[in-house]
Amino acid sequence: MELQTAIHNCRAMRRIKPDPVERDVIETLLDSANQGPSASNRQHDRWLVIQDPAKRLALAELNRRAIAGSYGPLPESDKQTAFEWQFHNLEHIPVHIVACLKLDDYNDSFHGGVAAGGSIWGKVQNLLLTARELGLGACPTTLPLQPRDEAKEVLGVPANVEPFCLIPIGYPMGNFGPVTRKPLDWIVHWDEWSARA
């Protein structure tokens, strides 16, 4: 697949079959992620692959609590949005990959938190594009990682490791297609901030 085709057709896929994903396929995703940028080449990203049904269920319950707290309960219905489907079925998605950073050298809370994300998000995008190339569905989410103390306990990570997002991975139920995005003249400002957006 051409890179531009993958970029323009890397739709968030939340409805995912429960079928297992082969280990070598997961390792291909992680190898692609590993090639992404890293501040000062520190390579302090860490990846946690969750396949255990009990841990997937615990993360799904955290996800439901976080969503219910923000949006209210999402009822089951025949016409669910993809977001609603994932709310009810996250634990059935066979692989949850958690993108983390090991932050033991940081004392500054900004660099240890927001700015440190610069060393993980490019890697996450590499993983998503590779998933698209391989015909896998994926969509990063931060909701199952709230509250953070409970999520870190479920994941079993040490205090100096911060999970940044969870990426459910599997074979999609739906079809890939082009993403819908705002035009560049709406989102790009040249030299100064304009009042249009």
Protein backbone atom coordinates (compact mmCIF):
# COMPACT_ATOMS: atom_id res chain seq x y z
CA MET A 1 0.00 0.00 0.00
CA GLU A 2 1.31 3.45 -0.92
CA LEU A 3 1.99 5.63 2.12
CA GLN A 4 -0.38 8.43 1.06
CA THR A 5 -3.14 5.87 0.44
CA ALA A 6 -2.62 4.42 3.91
CA ILE A 7 -2.64 7.88 5.53
CA HIS A 8 -5.82 8.96 3.77
CA ASN A 9 -7.56 5.65 4.49
CA CYS A 10 -6.49 4.99 8.08
CA ARG A 11 -9.96 5.26 9.57
CA ALA A 12 -10.47 4.64 13.28
CA MET A 13 -11.87 1.11 13.50
CA ARG A 14 -13.70 0.39 16.76
CA ARG A 15 -15.83 -2.60 15.74
CA ILE A 16 -13.38 -5.49 15.81
CA LYS A 17 -13.89 -9.23 15.55
CA PRO A 18 -12.90 -11.43 18.52
CA ASP A 19 -10.69 -13.57 16.24
CA PRO A 20 -7.13 -13.98 17.54
CA VAL A 21 -4.25 -12.03 16.01
CA GLU A 22 -1.08 -14.00 15.34
CA ARG A 23 1.95 -13.15 17.48
CA ASP A 24 4.18 -12.44 14.47
CA VAL A 25 1.60 -9.89 13.23
CA ILE A 26 1.61 -8.17 16.64
CA GLU A 27 5.42 -8.13 16.57
CA THR A 28 5.34 -6.52 13.10
CA LEU A 29 3.15 -3.73 14.52
CA LEU A 30 5.50 -3.23 17.46
CA ASP A 31 8.60 -3.28 15.25
CA SER A 32 7.07 -0.49 13.15
CA ALA A 33 6.25 1.47 16.31
CA ASN A 34 9.81 1.01 17.51
CA GLN A 35 11.13 2.81 14.42
CA GLY A 36 9.35 6.05 15.36
CA PRO A 37 11.00 9.21 16.70
CA SER A 38 12.42 9.42 20.20
CA ALA A 39 13.59 12.61 21.96
CA SER A 40 17.41 12.55 22.23
CA ASN A 41 17.14 8.97 20.96
CA ARG A 42 16.42 7.89 24.55
CA GLN A 43 14.09 5.15 23.32
CA HIS A 44 12.16 5.11 26.57
CA ASP A 45 8.93 3.85 25.03
CA ARG A 46 7.57 0.60 26.42
CA TRP A 47 4.72 -1.50 25.03
CA LEU A 48 2.41 -3.74 26.97
CA VAL A 49 0.44 -6.33 25.00
CA ILE A 50 -2.70 -7.43 26.83
CA GLN A 51 -4.38 -10.62 25.62
CA ASP A 52 -5.47 -12.01 28.99
CA PRO A 53 -9.32 -11.99 29.10
CA ALA A 54 -9.47 -10.94 32.77
CA LYS A 55 -7.22 -7.92 32.20
CA ARG A 56 -9.12 -6.97 29.04
CA LEU A 57 -12.35 -7.11 31.04
CA ALA A 58 -10.87 -4.94 33.82
CA LEU A 59 -9.79 -2.34 31.25
CA ALA A 60 -13.22 -2.48 29.58
CA GLU A 61 -14.87 -1.81 32.94
CA LEU A 62 -12.60 1.21 33.52
CA ASN A 63 -13.52 2.39 30.01
CA ARG A 64 -17.26 2.07 30.73
CA ARG A 65 -16.92 3.95 34.02
CA ALA A 66 -14.95 6.77 32.37
CA ILE A 67 -17.47 7.10 29.53
CA ALA A 68 -20.51 6.89 31.82
CA GLY A 69 -18.96 9.59 34.01
CA SER A 70 -18.52 11.92 31.02
CA TYR A 71 -21.42 11.02 28.74
CA GLY A 72 -23.83 9.07 30.92
CA PRO A 73 -24.66 5.40 30.36
CA LEU A 74 -24.76 4.21 26.76
CA PRO A 75 -27.75 1.90 26.24
CA GLU A 76 -27.55 -1.19 24.05
CA SER A 77 -29.48 -0.87 20.80
CA ASP A 78 -29.62 -2.31 17.30
CA LYS A 79 -28.24 0.92 15.82
CA GLN A 80 -25.09 1.60 17.79
CA THR A 81 -22.40 4.00 16.76
CA ALA A 82 -18.90 2.53 16.64
CA PHE A 83 -18.15 4.38 19.89
CA GLU A 84 -21.18 2.76 21.56
CA TRP A 85 -20.25 -0.66 20.18
CA GLN A 86 -16.76 -0.40 21.66
CA PHE A 87 -18.24 0.76 24.98
CA HIS A 88 -20.18 -2.52 25.21
CA ASN A 89 -17.58 -4.84 23.66
CA LEU A 90 -14.04 -3.66 24.42
CA GLU A 91 -13.21 -6.79 26.39
CA HIS A 92 -13.94 -8.98 23.32
CA ILE A 93 -11.31 -7.27 21.18
CA PRO A 94 -8.46 -9.81 21.22
CA VAL A 95 -5.41 -7.57 21.63
CA HIS A 96 -4.98 -4.39 23.66
CA ILE A 97 -1.64 -2.69 23.09
CA VAL A 98 -0.76 -0.06 25.68
CA ALA A 99 1.76 2.59 24.62
CA CYS A 100 3.86 3.66 27.62
CA LEU A 101 6.87 5.79 28.45
CA LYS A 102 9.41 5.09 31.17
CA LEU A 103 9.95 8.50 32.78
CA ASP A 104 12.43 7.87 35.59
CA ASP A 105 14.73 10.77 34.62
CA TYR A 106 12.08 13.50 34.67
CA ASN A 107 11.50 15.88 37.57
CA ASP A 108 9.71 18.60 35.59
CA SER A 109 6.01 17.70 35.45
CA PHE A 110 5.55 19.25 31.98
CA HIS A 111 8.42 17.33 30.42
CA GLY A 112 7.43 14.22 32.31
CA GLY A 113 3.86 14.46 31.07
CA VAL A 114 2.66 16.53 28.13
CA ALA A 115 6.01 17.09 26.41
CA ALA A 116 7.10 13.50 26.87
CA GLY A 117 4.24 12.49 24.61
CA GLY A 118 6.37 13.65 21.69
CA SER A 119 8.31 10.44 22.16
CA ILE A 120 5.26 8.17 21.91
CA TRP A 121 2.69 9.61 19.51
CA GLY A 122 4.84 9.25 16.39
CA LYS A 123 5.41 5.63 17.34
CA VAL A 124 1.67 5.13 17.83
CA GLN A 125 1.04 6.50 14.33
CA ASN A 126 3.60 4.07 12.87
CA LEU A 127 1.70 1.25 14.56
CA LEU A 128 -1.66 2.50 13.22
CA LEU A 129 -0.39 2.82 9.64
CA THR A 130 1.12 -0.66 9.79
CA ALA A 131 -2.16 -2.02 11.14
CA ARG A 132 -3.92 -0.42 8.18
CA GLU A 133 -1.44 -1.97 5.75
CA LEU A 134 -2.01 -5.41 7.31
CA GLY A 135 -5.81 -5.07 7.24
CA LEU A 136 -6.15 -4.75 11.01
CA GLY A 137 -8.56 -2.43 12.76
CA ALA A 138 -7.25 -0.10 15.46
CA CYS A 139 -8.17 3.09 17.28
CA PRO A 140 -6.18 4.66 20.14
CA THR A 141 -8.11 5.65 23.25
CA THR A 142 -7.17 7.08 26.65
CA LEU A 143 -10.49 6.41 28.41
CA PRO A 144 -9.62 2.89 29.73
CA LEU A 145 -6.60 4.42 31.48
CA GLN A 146 -8.74 6.43 33.92
CA PRO A 147 -8.46 6.73 36.81
CA ARG A 148 -4.74 6.37 36.27
CA ASP A 149 -3.93 4.72 39.58
CA GLU A 150 -6.47 1.95 38.97
CA ALA A 151 -5.38 1.49 35.36
CA LYS A 152 -1.73 1.22 36.37
CA GLU A 153 -2.69 -1.39 38.96
CA VAL A 154 -4.57 -3.44 36.34
CA LEU A 155 -1.62 -3.14 33.96
CA GLY A 156 0.92 -3.92 36.69
CA VAL A 157 3.33 -1.18 35.59
CA PRO A 158 5.80 0.43 38.00
CA ALA A 159 5.33 3.98 39.29
CA ASN A 160 7.82 5.48 36.80
CA VAL A 161 6.01 4.04 33.75
CA GLU A 162 3.15 6.10 32.33
CA PRO A 163 0.60 4.55 29.99
CA PHE A 164 -0.35 7.10 27.30
CA CYS A 165 -3.01 5.23 25.34
CA LEU A 166 -4.60 1.87 24.76
CA ILE A 167 -4.91 0.61 21.18
CA PRO A 168 -7.43 -2.20 20.67
CA ILE A 169 -6.26 -4.32 17.72
CA GLY A 170 -7.97 -6.98 15.65
CA TYR A 171 -9.62 -7.78 12.36
CA PRO A 172 -12.34 -5.22 11.57
CA MET A 173 -16.02 -5.99 11.16
CA GLY A 174 -16.51 -3.06 8.77
CA ASN A 175 -14.75 -1.74 5.72
CA PHE A 176 -11.86 0.63 5.47
CA GLY A 177 -12.47 3.86 3.67
CA PRO A 178 -11.27 7.43 3.42
CA VAL A 179 -11.13 9.59 6.51
CA THR A 180 -13.18 12.79 6.65
CA ARG A 181 -11.15 15.83 7.65
CA LYS A 182 -11.50 19.61 7.60
CA PRO A 183 -9.75 21.35 4.68
CA LEU A 184 -6.28 22.78 5.22
CA ASP A 185 -7.48 26.37 4.85
CA TRP A 186 -9.61 25.80 7.96
CA ILE A 187 -6.88 24.36 10.21
CA VAL A 188 -3.64 26.02 9.04
CA HIS A 189 -2.53 29.51 10.07
CA TRP A 190 0.38 31.23 8.32
CA ASP A 191 2.65 33.47 10.39
CA GLU A 192 -0.14 34.56 12.74
CA TRP A 193 -3.36 33.20 14.20
CA SER A 194 -6.38 34.18 12.13
CA ALA A 195 -9.88 34.68 13.57
CA ARG A 196 -11.62 32.12 11.34
CA ALA A 197 -11.05 29.10 13.58
